[in-house]
Amino acid sequence: QVQLVESGGGLVQPGGSLRLSCAASGRIFSANTMGWYRQAPGKQRELVATITSRGRINYADSVKDRFTVSRDNTKNTVDLQMNSLKFEDTAVYYCNLHKPAFTVEQTTEDYWGQGTQVTVAS
């Protein structure tokens, strides 16, 4: 129903920057939350940043002063600007789209991209 495609991952030195992009297609409900999650080897997948269709943003404490999430509702895209990257930012980053339920008969839905590797190394 919904497809998500990420781009922009790669190898960067500590202190450098990367910009991740995610494009959504398919049956997209206009009122949704999009965001980024990441998973390092042997670790649980964790929230990085989310942004609602109205522009309300949540960041993980570990990235709040360094990362910026944004979206374009006309293009159904969400971006993540990552600055001052650290070794511990190394992970696979996943794009997420969350559809809310507005009635008791509806079920919330989550869609995920395939992931893009971000490696921070000297």
N, C-alpha and C. Protein backbone atom coordinates (compact mmCIF):
# COMPACT_ATOMS: atom_id res chain seq x y z
N GLN A 1 0.83 -1.21 0.00
CA GLN A 1 0.00 0.00 0.00
C GLN A 1 0.86 1.25 0.00
N VAL A 2 1.92 1.25 0.79
CA VAL A 2 2.85 2.37 0.86
C VAL A 2 4.26 1.84 0.68
N GLN A 3 5.01 2.51 -0.16
CA GLN A 3 6.40 2.17 -0.39
C GLN A 3 7.29 3.34 0.00
N LEU A 4 8.40 3.05 0.67
CA LEU A 4 9.34 4.05 1.11
C LEU A 4 10.72 3.72 0.55
N VAL A 5 11.39 4.71 -0.01
CA VAL A 5 12.71 4.53 -0.58
C VAL A 5 13.65 5.57 0.01
N GLU A 6 14.72 5.09 0.66
CA GLU A 6 15.71 5.98 1.27
C GLU A 6 16.90 6.17 0.34
N SER A 7 17.59 7.27 0.54
CA SER A 7 18.82 7.54 -0.18
C SER A 7 19.68 8.48 0.66
N GLY A 8 20.97 8.53 0.34
CA GLY A 8 21.86 9.48 0.97
C GLY A 8 22.85 8.91 1.96
N GLY A 9 22.75 7.62 2.27
CA GLY A 9 23.69 7.02 3.19
C GLY A 9 25.07 6.90 2.58
N GLY A 10 26.05 6.62 3.44
CA GLY A 10 27.41 6.47 2.97
C GLY A 10 28.41 6.53 4.09
N LEU A 11 29.67 6.71 3.72
CA LEU A 11 30.79 6.79 4.65
C LEU A 11 31.19 8.25 4.84
N VAL A 12 31.35 8.64 6.09
CA VAL A 12 31.72 10.02 6.41
C VAL A 12 32.68 10.02 7.60
N GLN A 13 33.55 11.00 7.65
CA GLN A 13 34.49 11.13 8.76
C GLN A 13 33.82 11.77 9.97
N PRO A 14 34.34 11.50 11.17
CA PRO A 14 33.78 12.16 12.35
C PRO A 14 33.78 13.68 12.20
N GLY A 15 32.68 14.29 12.63
CA GLY A 15 32.52 15.72 12.47
C GLY A 15 31.90 16.13 11.15
N GLY A 16 31.75 15.20 10.24
CA GLY A 16 31.18 15.50 8.94
C GLY A 16 29.67 15.49 8.94
N SER A 17 29.10 15.63 7.75
CA SER A 17 27.66 15.74 7.60
C SER A 17 27.16 14.82 6.49
N LEU A 18 25.92 14.39 6.64
CA LEU A 18 25.20 13.65 5.62
C LEU A 18 23.75 14.09 5.63
N ARG A 19 23.09 13.97 4.48
CA ARG A 19 21.68 14.27 4.38
C ARG A 19 20.97 13.05 3.81
N LEU A 20 20.04 12.50 4.58
CA LEU A 20 19.24 11.37 4.15
C LEU A 20 17.90 11.85 3.62
N SER A 21 17.40 11.18 2.59
CA SER A 21 16.11 11.50 2.02
C SER A 21 15.26 10.25 1.91
N CYS A 22 13.95 10.42 2.02
CA CYS A 22 13.01 9.31 1.91
C CYS A 22 11.80 9.78 1.12
N ALA A 23 11.43 9.02 0.11
CA ALA A 23 10.28 9.33 -0.72
C ALA A 23 9.22 8.25 -0.53
N ALA A 24 7.99 8.67 -0.26
CA ALA A 24 6.87 7.76 -0.07
C ALA A 24 5.96 7.76 -1.29
N SER A 25 5.42 6.60 -1.61
CA SER A 25 4.48 6.48 -2.71
C SER A 25 3.42 5.45 -2.36
N GLY A 26 2.31 5.46 -3.10
CA GLY A 26 1.23 4.53 -2.85
C GLY A 26 0.04 5.21 -2.21
N ARG A 27 -0.70 4.44 -1.42
CA ARG A 27 -1.92 4.94 -0.77
C ARG A 27 -1.53 5.63 0.54
N ILE A 28 -1.17 6.89 0.43
CA ILE A 28 -0.69 7.67 1.56
C ILE A 28 -1.83 8.52 2.10
N PHE A 29 -2.17 8.31 3.35
CA PHE A 29 -3.15 9.16 4.00
C PHE A 29 -2.49 10.48 4.38
N SER A 30 -3.19 11.58 4.16
CA SER A 30 -2.58 12.89 4.31
C SER A 30 -2.13 13.18 5.73
N ALA A 31 -2.87 12.71 6.71
CA ALA A 31 -2.51 12.91 8.11
C ALA A 31 -1.65 11.74 8.59
N ASN A 32 -0.36 11.96 8.65
CA ASN A 32 0.54 10.89 9.02
C ASN A 32 1.77 11.46 9.71
N THR A 33 2.52 10.57 10.30
CA THR A 33 3.81 10.92 10.88
C THR A 33 4.90 10.18 10.12
N MET A 34 5.91 10.89 9.71
CA MET A 34 7.06 10.28 9.06
C MET A 34 8.28 10.51 9.94
N GLY A 35 9.26 9.63 9.80
CA GLY A 35 10.43 9.80 10.62
C GLY A 35 11.54 8.84 10.28
N TRP A 36 12.57 8.90 11.11
CA TRP A 36 13.76 8.10 10.93
C TRP A 36 14.06 7.32 12.19
N TYR A 37 14.42 6.06 12.01
CA TYR A 37 14.89 5.18 13.07
C TYR A 37 16.23 4.61 12.64
N ARG A 38 17.00 4.11 13.59
CA ARG A 38 18.28 3.52 13.25
C ARG A 38 18.54 2.30 14.11
N GLN A 39 19.36 1.41 13.58
CA GLN A 39 19.70 0.19 14.28
C GLN A 39 21.17 -0.14 14.04
N ALA A 40 21.94 -0.17 15.12
CA ALA A 40 23.33 -0.56 15.07
C ALA A 40 23.44 -2.06 15.29
N PRO A 41 24.53 -2.70 14.85
CA PRO A 41 24.68 -4.14 15.04
C PRO A 41 24.56 -4.53 16.51
N GLY A 42 23.72 -5.53 16.78
CA GLY A 42 23.52 -6.01 18.13
C GLY A 42 22.69 -5.11 19.02
N LYS A 43 22.12 -4.04 18.46
CA LYS A 43 21.34 -3.10 19.24
C LYS A 43 19.89 -3.08 18.79
N GLN A 44 19.03 -2.57 19.65
CA GLN A 44 17.62 -2.41 19.33
C GLN A 44 17.42 -1.22 18.39
N ARG A 45 16.43 -1.33 17.53
CA ARG A 45 16.10 -0.20 16.68
C ARG A 45 15.58 0.94 17.55
N GLU A 46 16.07 2.15 17.31
CA GLU A 46 15.71 3.29 18.13
C GLU A 46 15.23 4.46 17.29
N LEU A 47 14.37 5.25 17.88
CA LEU A 47 13.86 6.45 17.23
C LEU A 47 14.97 7.49 17.12
N VAL A 48 15.05 8.12 15.97
CA VAL A 48 15.96 9.24 15.76
C VAL A 48 15.18 10.55 15.75
N ALA A 49 14.19 10.65 14.87
CA ALA A 49 13.39 11.86 14.77
C ALA A 49 12.09 11.54 14.04
N THR A 50 11.01 12.20 14.44
CA THR A 50 9.74 12.09 13.74
C THR A 50 9.17 13.47 13.51
N ILE A 51 8.32 13.58 12.50
CA ILE A 51 7.68 14.84 12.18
C ILE A 51 6.28 14.54 11.65
N THR A 52 5.27 15.22 12.20
CA THR A 52 3.91 15.02 11.77
C THR A 52 3.63 15.83 10.52
N SER A 53 2.47 15.57 9.91
CA SER A 53 2.07 16.33 8.73
C SER A 53 1.85 17.80 9.04
N ARG A 54 1.62 18.13 10.30
CA ARG A 54 1.46 19.51 10.72
C ARG A 54 2.78 20.16 11.13
N GLY A 55 3.86 19.39 11.15
CA GLY A 55 5.17 19.93 11.42
C GLY A 55 5.68 19.80 12.84
N ARG A 56 4.99 19.05 13.69
CA ARG A 56 5.47 18.85 15.05
C ARG A 56 6.56 17.79 15.05
N ILE A 57 7.66 18.07 15.76
CA ILE A 57 8.88 17.28 15.68
C ILE A 57 9.26 16.72 17.04
N ASN A 58 9.74 15.49 17.05
CA ASN A 58 10.36 14.87 18.21
C ASN A 58 11.74 14.36 17.82
N TYR A 59 12.72 14.60 18.68
CA TYR A 59 14.08 14.10 18.48
C TYR A 59 14.50 13.22 19.65
N ALA A 60 15.34 12.24 19.34
CA ALA A 60 16.03 11.56 20.40
C ALA A 60 17.02 12.51 21.06
N ASP A 61 17.21 12.38 22.37
CA ASP A 61 18.11 13.29 23.08
C ASP A 61 19.53 13.25 22.51
N SER A 62 19.95 12.11 22.02
CA SER A 62 21.31 11.95 21.54
C SER A 62 21.60 12.70 20.25
N VAL A 63 20.55 13.12 19.53
CA VAL A 63 20.74 13.79 18.24
C VAL A 63 20.12 15.17 18.18
N LYS A 64 19.47 15.60 19.23
CA LYS A 64 18.64 16.82 19.19
C LYS A 64 19.43 18.05 18.77
N ASP A 65 20.66 18.17 19.20
CA ASP A 65 21.47 19.36 18.91
C ASP A 65 22.26 19.25 17.61
N ARG A 66 22.15 18.12 16.93
CA ARG A 66 22.98 17.88 15.75
C ARG A 66 22.19 17.55 14.49
N PHE A 67 21.02 16.95 14.63
CA PHE A 67 20.23 16.51 13.48
C PHE A 67 19.02 17.41 13.29
N THR A 68 18.55 17.51 12.05
CA THR A 68 17.35 18.27 11.73
C THR A 68 16.49 17.45 10.78
N VAL A 69 15.22 17.25 11.14
CA VAL A 69 14.29 16.52 10.30
C VAL A 69 13.33 17.52 9.65
N SER A 70 12.97 17.26 8.41
CA SER A 70 12.04 18.12 7.69
C SER A 70 11.23 17.28 6.72
N ARG A 71 10.11 17.82 6.25
CA ARG A 71 9.29 17.09 5.29
C ARG A 71 8.66 18.05 4.31
N ASP A 72 8.29 17.51 3.17
CA ASP A 72 7.59 18.24 2.13
C ASP A 72 6.30 17.47 1.85
N ASN A 73 5.17 17.99 2.30
CA ASN A 73 3.91 17.28 2.16
C ASN A 73 3.45 17.18 0.70
N THR A 74 3.86 18.12 -0.14
CA THR A 74 3.48 18.07 -1.54
C THR A 74 4.23 16.99 -2.29
N LYS A 75 5.42 16.64 -1.83
CA LYS A 75 6.24 15.62 -2.47
C LYS A 75 6.23 14.29 -1.73
N ASN A 76 5.64 14.25 -0.54
CA ASN A 76 5.64 13.06 0.31
C ASN A 76 7.06 12.59 0.59
N THR A 77 7.89 13.51 1.00
CA THR A 77 9.27 13.19 1.33
C THR A 77 9.61 13.67 2.74
N VAL A 78 10.59 13.02 3.34
CA VAL A 78 11.11 13.43 4.63
C VAL A 78 12.63 13.34 4.55
N ASP A 79 13.31 14.35 5.07
CA ASP A 79 14.76 14.41 5.04
C ASP A 79 15.32 14.44 6.45
N LEU A 80 16.56 14.03 6.58
CA LEU A 80 17.27 14.10 7.85
C LEU A 80 18.66 14.66 7.59
N GLN A 81 18.88 15.89 8.03
CA GLN A 81 20.19 16.51 7.94
C GLN A 81 20.98 16.16 9.19
N MET A 82 22.12 15.50 9.01
CA MET A 82 22.93 15.04 10.12
C MET A 82 24.26 15.78 10.10
N ASN A 83 24.52 16.54 11.15
CA ASN A 83 25.75 17.30 11.29
C ASN A 83 26.53 16.81 12.51
N SER A 84 27.81 17.15 12.54
CA SER A 84 28.68 16.78 13.66
C SER A 84 28.58 15.30 13.98
N LEU A 85 28.70 14.48 12.97
CA LEU A 85 28.52 13.05 13.13
C LEU A 85 29.60 12.44 14.01
N LYS A 86 29.20 11.44 14.79
CA LYS A 86 30.07 10.75 15.71
C LYS A 86 30.14 9.27 15.35
N PHE A 87 31.15 8.58 15.90
CA PHE A 87 31.28 7.15 15.66
C PHE A 87 30.00 6.41 16.05
N GLU A 88 29.38 6.81 17.14
CA GLU A 88 28.19 6.12 17.64
C GLU A 88 26.95 6.35 16.79
N ASP A 89 27.03 7.22 15.79
CA ASP A 89 25.93 7.40 14.85
C ASP A 89 25.92 6.32 13.77
N THR A 90 26.94 5.50 13.72
CA THR A 90 27.01 4.43 12.73
C THR A 90 25.86 3.45 12.93
N ALA A 91 25.05 3.25 11.89
CA ALA A 91 23.88 2.38 11.98
C ALA A 91 23.23 2.30 10.61
N VAL A 92 22.27 1.39 10.50
CA VAL A 92 21.37 1.39 9.36
C VAL A 92 20.20 2.28 9.72
N TYR A 93 19.91 3.24 8.86
CA TYR A 93 18.85 4.20 9.11
C TYR A 93 17.63 3.83 8.27
N TYR A 94 16.47 3.78 8.93
CA TYR A 94 15.22 3.37 8.29
C TYR A 94 14.22 4.51 8.29
N CYS A 95 13.57 4.69 7.16
CA CYS A 95 12.47 5.64 7.05
C CYS A 95 11.18 4.96 7.49
N ASN A 96 10.32 5.71 8.16
CA ASN A 96 9.06 5.18 8.67
C ASN A 96 7.91 6.13 8.34
N LEU A 97 6.77 5.53 7.98
CA LEU A 97 5.52 6.28 7.83
C LEU A 97 4.46 5.61 8.69
N HIS A 98 3.82 6.40 9.54
CA HIS A 98 2.81 5.91 10.46
C HIS A 98 1.46 6.52 10.12
N LYS A 99 0.47 5.65 9.87
CA LYS A 99 -0.90 6.08 9.64
C LYS A 99 -1.70 5.94 10.93
N PRO A 100 -2.31 7.01 11.41
CA PRO A 100 -3.12 6.90 12.63
C PRO A 100 -4.49 6.31 12.35
N ALA A 101 -5.17 5.87 13.40
CA ALA A 101 -6.55 5.42 13.33
C ALA A 101 -7.45 6.51 13.87
N PHE A 102 -8.51 6.82 13.15
CA PHE A 102 -9.42 7.89 13.56
C PHE A 102 -10.74 7.37 14.11
N THR A 103 -11.01 6.09 13.95
CA THR A 103 -12.19 5.45 14.54
C THR A 103 -11.76 4.14 15.19
N VAL A 104 -12.66 3.59 16.03
CA VAL A 104 -12.35 2.33 16.70
C VAL A 104 -12.30 1.16 15.73
N GLU A 105 -12.90 1.32 14.54
CA GLU A 105 -12.88 0.25 13.54
C GLU A 105 -11.58 0.24 12.74
N GLN A 106 -10.81 1.30 12.81
CA GLN A 106 -9.58 1.40 12.04
C GLN A 106 -8.39 0.89 12.84
N THR A 107 -7.37 0.50 12.11
CA THR A 107 -6.13 0.02 12.69
C THR A 107 -4.98 0.90 12.23
N THR A 108 -4.10 1.25 13.15
CA THR A 108 -2.92 2.01 12.76
C THR A 108 -2.02 1.15 11.89
N GLU A 109 -1.26 1.80 11.03
CA GLU A 109 -0.37 1.10 10.11
C GLU A 109 1.01 1.76 10.12
N ASP A 110 2.03 0.94 10.02
CA ASP A 110 3.40 1.40 9.92
C ASP A 110 4.06 0.80 8.69
N TYR A 111 4.79 1.63 7.97
CA TYR A 111 5.51 1.21 6.78
C TYR A 111 6.98 1.60 6.93
N TRP A 112 7.85 0.75 6.39
CA TRP A 112 9.29 0.92 6.57
C TRP A 112 10.01 0.85 5.24
N GLY A 113 11.06 1.65 5.13
CA GLY A 113 11.95 1.54 4.01
C GLY A 113 12.93 0.39 4.19
N GLN A 114 13.76 0.18 3.19
CA GLN A 114 14.70 -0.94 3.21
C GLN A 114 15.93 -0.66 4.06
N GLY A 115 16.16 0.58 4.41
CA GLY A 115 17.30 0.97 5.21
C GLY A 115 18.47 1.45 4.36
N THR A 116 19.23 2.38 4.90
CA THR A 116 20.43 2.87 4.25
C THR A 116 21.55 2.96 5.29
N GLN A 117 22.73 2.48 4.91
CA GLN A 117 23.85 2.39 5.84
C GLN A 117 24.54 3.74 5.99
N VAL A 118 24.76 4.14 7.24
CA VAL A 118 25.57 5.31 7.56
C VAL A 118 26.74 4.84 8.40
N THR A 119 27.95 5.09 7.93
CA THR A 119 29.15 4.69 8.63
C THR A 119 30.01 5.91 8.90
N VAL A 120 30.33 6.14 10.16
CA VAL A 120 31.18 7.25 10.57
C VAL A 120 32.51 6.67 11.02
N ALA A 121 33.58 6.96 10.28
CA ALA A 121 34.88 6.38 10.56
C ALA A 121 35.97 7.29 10.01
N SER A 122 37.16 7.19 10.64
CA SER A 122 38.30 7.97 10.19
C SER A 122 38.87 7.40 8.91
